[in-house]
């Protein structure tokens, strides 16, 4: 565990806690993305949306800040019988991780 902490402190890995009491780590890099957690199945979907990136920068500027980073985790339930639309160019990685949906806080 000390090695993982050292990697985190050195910026080699990023720590994520999706609310189920377990930490997950992923390689740090330049490919920024956000997370959508399905509270029914526990699936974690990594995605990138240019409009979100633009909005978060705009909001920070309107509040008098220069944004230096952010983390965005969205939690939701997939809608039964509805096929997702508009994923083209949005989903970075499906099944990036899985959480225990019974332990989400």
N, C-alpha and C. Protein backbone atom coordinates (compact mmCIF):
# COMPACT_ATOMS: atom_id res chain seq x y z
N UNK A 1 0.82 -1.21 0.00
CA UNK A 1 0.00 0.00 0.00
C UNK A 1 0.86 1.26 0.00
N UNK A 2 2.03 1.18 0.61
CA UNK A 2 2.91 2.35 0.59
C UNK A 2 3.34 2.68 -0.83
N UNK A 3 3.58 1.65 -1.62
CA UNK A 3 4.00 1.87 -3.01
C UNK A 3 2.90 2.58 -3.79
N UNK A 4 1.67 2.15 -3.62
CA UNK A 4 0.55 2.79 -4.31
C UNK A 4 0.44 4.25 -3.88
N UNK A 5 0.58 4.51 -2.59
CA UNK A 5 0.52 5.89 -2.10
C UNK A 5 1.65 6.73 -2.70
N UNK A 6 2.84 6.15 -2.80
CA UNK A 6 3.96 6.87 -3.41
C UNK A 6 3.68 7.17 -4.88
N UNK A 7 3.10 6.21 -5.59
CA UNK A 7 2.73 6.44 -6.99
C UNK A 7 1.69 7.56 -7.10
N UNK A 8 0.75 7.57 -6.17
CA UNK A 8 -0.27 8.62 -6.17
C UNK A 8 0.36 9.98 -5.91
N UNK A 9 1.23 10.05 -4.91
CA UNK A 9 1.90 11.32 -4.58
C UNK A 9 2.77 11.80 -5.73
N UNK A 10 3.34 10.88 -6.49
CA UNK A 10 4.21 11.24 -7.61
C UNK A 10 3.41 11.57 -8.87
N UNK A 11 2.08 11.37 -8.83
CA UNK A 11 1.26 11.67 -10.00
C UNK A 11 1.26 10.58 -11.05
N UNK A 12 1.69 9.38 -10.68
CA UNK A 12 1.71 8.27 -11.62
C UNK A 12 0.33 7.63 -11.74
N UNK A 13 -0.40 7.57 -10.63
CA UNK A 13 -1.75 7.02 -10.62
C UNK A 13 -2.70 8.02 -9.97
N UNK A 14 -3.98 7.91 -10.30
CA UNK A 14 -5.02 8.72 -9.67
C UNK A 14 -5.94 7.80 -8.88
N UNK A 15 -6.33 8.25 -7.69
CA UNK A 15 -7.21 7.49 -6.83
C UNK A 15 -8.66 7.92 -7.07
N UNK A 16 -9.55 6.95 -7.13
CA UNK A 16 -10.98 7.22 -7.28
C UNK A 16 -11.74 6.45 -6.22
N UNK A 17 -12.71 7.11 -5.61
CA UNK A 17 -13.62 6.47 -4.67
C UNK A 17 -15.02 6.78 -5.16
N UNK A 18 -15.71 5.77 -5.65
CA UNK A 18 -17.02 5.97 -6.24
C UNK A 18 -18.16 5.76 -5.25
N UNK A 19 -17.84 5.80 -3.95
CA UNK A 19 -18.88 5.78 -2.94
C UNK A 19 -19.27 4.42 -2.41
N UNK A 20 -18.53 3.36 -2.80
CA UNK A 20 -18.87 2.03 -2.29
C UNK A 20 -17.86 1.54 -1.26
N UNK A 21 -17.00 2.45 -0.78
CA UNK A 21 -16.06 2.09 0.27
C UNK A 21 -14.76 1.49 -0.21
N UNK A 22 -14.57 1.38 -1.52
CA UNK A 22 -13.32 0.84 -2.07
C UNK A 22 -12.65 1.88 -2.95
N UNK A 23 -11.35 1.96 -2.82
CA UNK A 23 -10.59 2.87 -3.69
C UNK A 23 -10.16 2.12 -4.94
N UNK A 24 -10.14 2.84 -6.03
CA UNK A 24 -9.65 2.30 -7.29
C UNK A 24 -8.60 3.26 -7.82
N UNK A 25 -7.66 2.73 -8.56
CA UNK A 25 -6.58 3.54 -9.10
C UNK A 25 -6.51 3.34 -10.60
N UNK A 26 -6.20 4.42 -11.29
CA UNK A 26 -5.97 4.32 -12.72
C UNK A 26 -4.74 5.14 -13.06
N UNK A 27 -4.11 4.75 -14.14
CA UNK A 27 -2.90 5.44 -14.58
C UNK A 27 -3.23 6.90 -14.88
N UNK A 28 -2.42 7.80 -14.32
CA UNK A 28 -2.60 9.23 -14.60
C UNK A 28 -2.08 9.51 -16.01
N UNK A 29 -2.73 10.43 -16.67
CA UNK A 29 -2.29 10.74 -18.03
C UNK A 29 -2.92 12.02 -18.52
N UNK A 30 -2.69 12.30 -19.78
CA UNK A 30 -3.20 13.53 -20.38
C UNK A 30 -4.61 13.36 -20.95
N UNK A 31 -5.12 12.14 -20.98
CA UNK A 31 -6.43 11.89 -21.57
C UNK A 31 -7.52 12.07 -20.51
N UNK A 32 -7.85 13.32 -20.22
CA UNK A 32 -8.84 13.61 -19.19
C UNK A 32 -10.20 13.02 -19.56
N UNK A 33 -10.87 12.50 -18.54
CA UNK A 33 -12.22 11.97 -18.74
C UNK A 33 -12.98 12.06 -17.42
N UNK A 34 -14.27 11.89 -17.50
CA UNK A 34 -15.15 11.90 -16.34
C UNK A 34 -15.78 10.52 -16.20
N UNK A 35 -16.56 10.33 -15.15
CA UNK A 35 -17.12 9.01 -14.87
C UNK A 35 -18.64 9.07 -14.69
N UNK A 36 -19.31 8.07 -15.24
CA UNK A 36 -20.74 7.85 -15.02
C UNK A 36 -20.87 6.48 -14.37
N UNK A 37 -21.47 6.44 -13.17
CA UNK A 37 -21.61 5.21 -12.42
C UNK A 37 -23.07 4.78 -12.45
N UNK A 38 -23.32 3.57 -12.94
CA UNK A 38 -24.67 3.01 -12.98
C UNK A 38 -24.94 2.41 -11.60
N UNK A 39 -25.85 3.02 -10.85
CA UNK A 39 -26.12 2.59 -9.48
C UNK A 39 -26.90 1.28 -9.43
N UNK A 40 -27.40 0.84 -10.57
CA UNK A 40 -28.12 -0.44 -10.61
C UNK A 40 -27.14 -1.60 -10.83
N UNK A 41 -26.23 -1.43 -11.79
CA UNK A 41 -25.32 -2.53 -12.15
C UNK A 41 -23.92 -2.36 -11.58
N UNK A 42 -23.56 -1.15 -11.20
CA UNK A 42 -22.21 -0.89 -10.70
C UNK A 42 -21.21 -0.59 -11.80
N UNK A 43 -21.65 -0.57 -13.05
CA UNK A 43 -20.74 -0.30 -14.16
C UNK A 43 -20.24 1.14 -14.09
N UNK A 44 -18.94 1.32 -14.32
CA UNK A 44 -18.34 2.65 -14.39
C UNK A 44 -17.97 2.90 -15.85
N UNK A 45 -18.51 3.98 -16.41
CA UNK A 45 -18.24 4.35 -17.80
C UNK A 45 -17.40 5.62 -17.79
N UNK A 46 -16.26 5.57 -18.46
CA UNK A 46 -15.43 6.75 -18.62
C UNK A 46 -15.89 7.46 -19.89
N UNK A 47 -16.02 8.80 -19.79
CA UNK A 47 -16.45 9.54 -20.97
C UNK A 47 -15.78 10.90 -21.01
N UNK A 48 -15.78 11.49 -22.18
CA UNK A 48 -15.26 12.85 -22.38
C UNK A 48 -16.29 13.62 -23.18
N UNK A 49 -16.59 14.83 -22.74
CA UNK A 49 -17.54 15.68 -23.45
C UNK A 49 -16.96 17.09 -23.53
N UNK A 50 -16.71 17.54 -24.74
CA UNK A 50 -16.10 18.86 -24.94
C UNK A 50 -16.96 19.98 -24.37
N UNK A 51 -18.28 19.83 -24.42
CA UNK A 51 -19.16 20.87 -23.90
C UNK A 51 -19.03 21.00 -22.38
N UNK A 52 -18.91 19.87 -21.68
CA UNK A 52 -18.69 19.93 -20.23
C UNK A 52 -17.38 20.64 -19.93
N UNK A 53 -16.34 20.31 -20.68
CA UNK A 53 -15.04 20.95 -20.47
C UNK A 53 -15.13 22.46 -20.67
N UNK A 54 -15.85 22.87 -21.72
CA UNK A 54 -16.02 24.30 -21.99
C UNK A 54 -16.80 24.96 -20.87
N UNK A 55 -17.89 24.32 -20.43
CA UNK A 55 -18.74 24.90 -19.38
C UNK A 55 -18.01 25.04 -18.05
N UNK A 56 -17.25 24.04 -17.65
CA UNK A 56 -16.57 24.13 -16.36
C UNK A 56 -15.53 25.25 -16.36
N UNK A 57 -14.86 25.45 -17.49
CA UNK A 57 -13.91 26.56 -17.60
C UNK A 57 -14.63 27.89 -17.56
N UNK A 58 -15.74 27.99 -18.29
CA UNK A 58 -16.54 29.22 -18.32
C UNK A 58 -17.09 29.55 -16.93
N UNK A 59 -17.60 28.56 -16.22
CA UNK A 59 -18.14 28.79 -14.88
C UNK A 59 -17.05 29.28 -13.94
N UNK A 60 -15.89 28.65 -13.98
CA UNK A 60 -14.78 29.09 -13.13
C UNK A 60 -14.41 30.54 -13.43
N UNK A 61 -14.33 30.89 -14.70
CA UNK A 61 -13.98 32.27 -15.08
C UNK A 61 -15.03 33.25 -14.61
N UNK A 62 -16.31 32.91 -14.75
CA UNK A 62 -17.38 33.80 -14.29
C UNK A 62 -17.33 34.02 -12.79
N UNK A 63 -16.81 33.03 -12.07
CA UNK A 63 -16.68 33.16 -10.62
C UNK A 63 -15.34 33.73 -10.21
N UNK A 64 -14.53 34.13 -11.21
CA UNK A 64 -13.25 34.77 -10.92
C UNK A 64 -12.12 33.80 -10.65
N UNK A 65 -12.18 32.60 -11.22
CA UNK A 65 -11.15 31.60 -10.99
C UNK A 65 -10.54 31.13 -12.30
N UNK A 66 -9.29 30.74 -12.22
CA UNK A 66 -8.64 30.02 -13.30
C UNK A 66 -8.69 28.55 -12.90
N UNK A 67 -9.35 27.74 -13.67
CA UNK A 67 -9.53 26.34 -13.33
C UNK A 67 -8.22 25.58 -13.53
N UNK A 68 -7.81 24.84 -12.52
CA UNK A 68 -6.59 24.04 -12.63
C UNK A 68 -6.87 22.54 -12.63
N UNK A 69 -8.13 22.17 -12.42
CA UNK A 69 -8.49 20.75 -12.46
C UNK A 69 -9.90 20.55 -11.98
N UNK A 70 -10.41 19.36 -12.22
CA UNK A 70 -11.74 19.00 -11.71
C UNK A 70 -11.93 17.50 -11.79
N UNK A 71 -12.87 17.00 -11.01
CA UNK A 71 -13.30 15.60 -11.08
C UNK A 71 -14.81 15.62 -11.16
N UNK A 72 -15.35 14.85 -12.08
CA UNK A 72 -16.79 14.79 -12.23
C UNK A 72 -17.22 13.33 -12.21
N UNK A 73 -18.11 13.02 -11.27
CA UNK A 73 -18.70 11.68 -11.17
C UNK A 73 -20.20 11.84 -11.22
N UNK A 74 -20.81 11.24 -12.21
CA UNK A 74 -22.27 11.26 -12.34
C UNK A 74 -22.80 9.90 -11.91
N UNK A 75 -23.89 9.89 -11.16
CA UNK A 75 -24.52 8.66 -10.69
C UNK A 75 -25.93 8.58 -11.26
N UNK A 76 -26.29 7.44 -11.81
CA UNK A 76 -27.62 7.29 -12.37
C UNK A 76 -27.97 5.84 -12.59
N UNK A 77 -29.21 5.62 -12.98
CA UNK A 77 -29.70 4.27 -13.28
C UNK A 77 -30.05 4.21 -14.76
N UNK A 78 -29.60 3.15 -15.41
CA UNK A 78 -29.97 3.00 -16.81
C UNK A 78 -31.49 2.81 -16.90
N UNK A 79 -32.06 3.32 -17.97
CA UNK A 79 -33.51 3.27 -18.16
C UNK A 79 -33.85 2.00 -18.91
N UNK A 80 -34.69 1.16 -18.30
CA UNK A 80 -35.08 -0.11 -18.93
C UNK A 80 -35.73 0.13 -20.29
N UNK A 81 -35.28 -0.65 -21.27
CA UNK A 81 -35.89 -0.61 -22.59
C UNK A 81 -35.46 0.56 -23.45
N UNK A 82 -34.58 1.41 -22.96
CA UNK A 82 -34.14 2.57 -23.73
C UNK A 82 -32.70 2.34 -24.18
N UNK A 83 -32.51 2.34 -25.49
CA UNK A 83 -31.17 2.21 -26.04
C UNK A 83 -30.47 3.57 -25.99
N UNK A 84 -29.24 3.60 -25.51
CA UNK A 84 -28.51 4.87 -25.46
C UNK A 84 -28.31 5.45 -26.85
N UNK A 85 -28.44 6.76 -26.96
CA UNK A 85 -28.17 7.45 -28.22
C UNK A 85 -27.10 8.50 -27.97
N UNK A 86 -26.43 8.89 -28.99
CA UNK A 86 -25.46 9.97 -28.86
C UNK A 86 -24.18 9.59 -28.16
N UNK A 87 -23.82 8.31 -28.14
CA UNK A 87 -22.58 7.89 -27.48
C UNK A 87 -21.37 8.05 -28.39
N UNK A 88 -21.61 8.19 -29.68
CA UNK A 88 -20.51 8.30 -30.63
C UNK A 88 -19.60 9.45 -30.25
N UNK A 89 -18.33 9.16 -30.04
CA UNK A 89 -17.36 10.19 -29.69
C UNK A 89 -17.45 10.65 -28.25
N UNK A 90 -18.33 10.06 -27.46
CA UNK A 90 -18.51 10.49 -26.07
C UNK A 90 -17.92 9.48 -25.10
N UNK A 91 -18.23 8.21 -25.29
CA UNK A 91 -17.75 7.19 -24.36
C UNK A 91 -16.28 6.91 -24.63
N UNK A 92 -15.51 7.08 -23.59
CA UNK A 92 -14.07 6.87 -23.65
C UNK A 92 -13.75 5.40 -23.40
N UNK A 93 -14.42 4.83 -22.40
CA UNK A 93 -14.17 3.44 -22.05
C UNK A 93 -15.33 2.89 -21.24
N UNK A 94 -15.98 1.88 -21.75
CA UNK A 94 -17.05 1.20 -21.00
C UNK A 94 -16.41 0.14 -20.11
N UNK A 95 -17.10 -0.19 -19.05
CA UNK A 95 -16.63 -1.22 -18.13
C UNK A 95 -15.24 -0.89 -17.60
N UNK A 96 -14.98 0.38 -17.35
CA UNK A 96 -13.69 0.81 -16.84
C UNK A 96 -13.45 0.23 -15.46
N UNK A 97 -14.51 0.08 -14.70
CA UNK A 97 -14.45 -0.51 -13.36
C UNK A 97 -15.86 -0.95 -13.02
N UNK A 98 -15.98 -1.59 -11.90
CA UNK A 98 -17.30 -1.98 -11.41
C UNK A 98 -17.31 -1.73 -9.92
N UNK A 99 -18.42 -1.17 -9.45
CA UNK A 99 -18.59 -0.92 -8.02
C UNK A 99 -19.70 -1.83 -7.50
N UNK A 100 -19.77 -1.96 -6.19
CA UNK A 100 -20.84 -2.74 -5.57
C UNK A 100 -22.02 -1.81 -5.38
N UNK A 101 -23.07 -1.92 -6.20
CA UNK A 101 -24.17 -0.96 -6.12
C UNK A 101 -24.90 -1.01 -4.78
N UNK A 102 -24.81 -2.12 -4.05
CA UNK A 102 -25.48 -2.21 -2.75
C UNK A 102 -24.79 -1.39 -1.68
N UNK A 103 -23.54 -1.01 -1.93
CA UNK A 103 -22.78 -0.25 -0.93
C UNK A 103 -22.54 1.20 -1.31
N UNK A 104 -23.20 1.69 -2.36
CA UNK A 104 -23.03 3.09 -2.75
C UNK A 104 -23.68 3.98 -1.71
N UNK A 105 -22.95 5.01 -1.31
CA UNK A 105 -23.51 5.94 -0.31
C UNK A 105 -24.11 7.15 -0.97
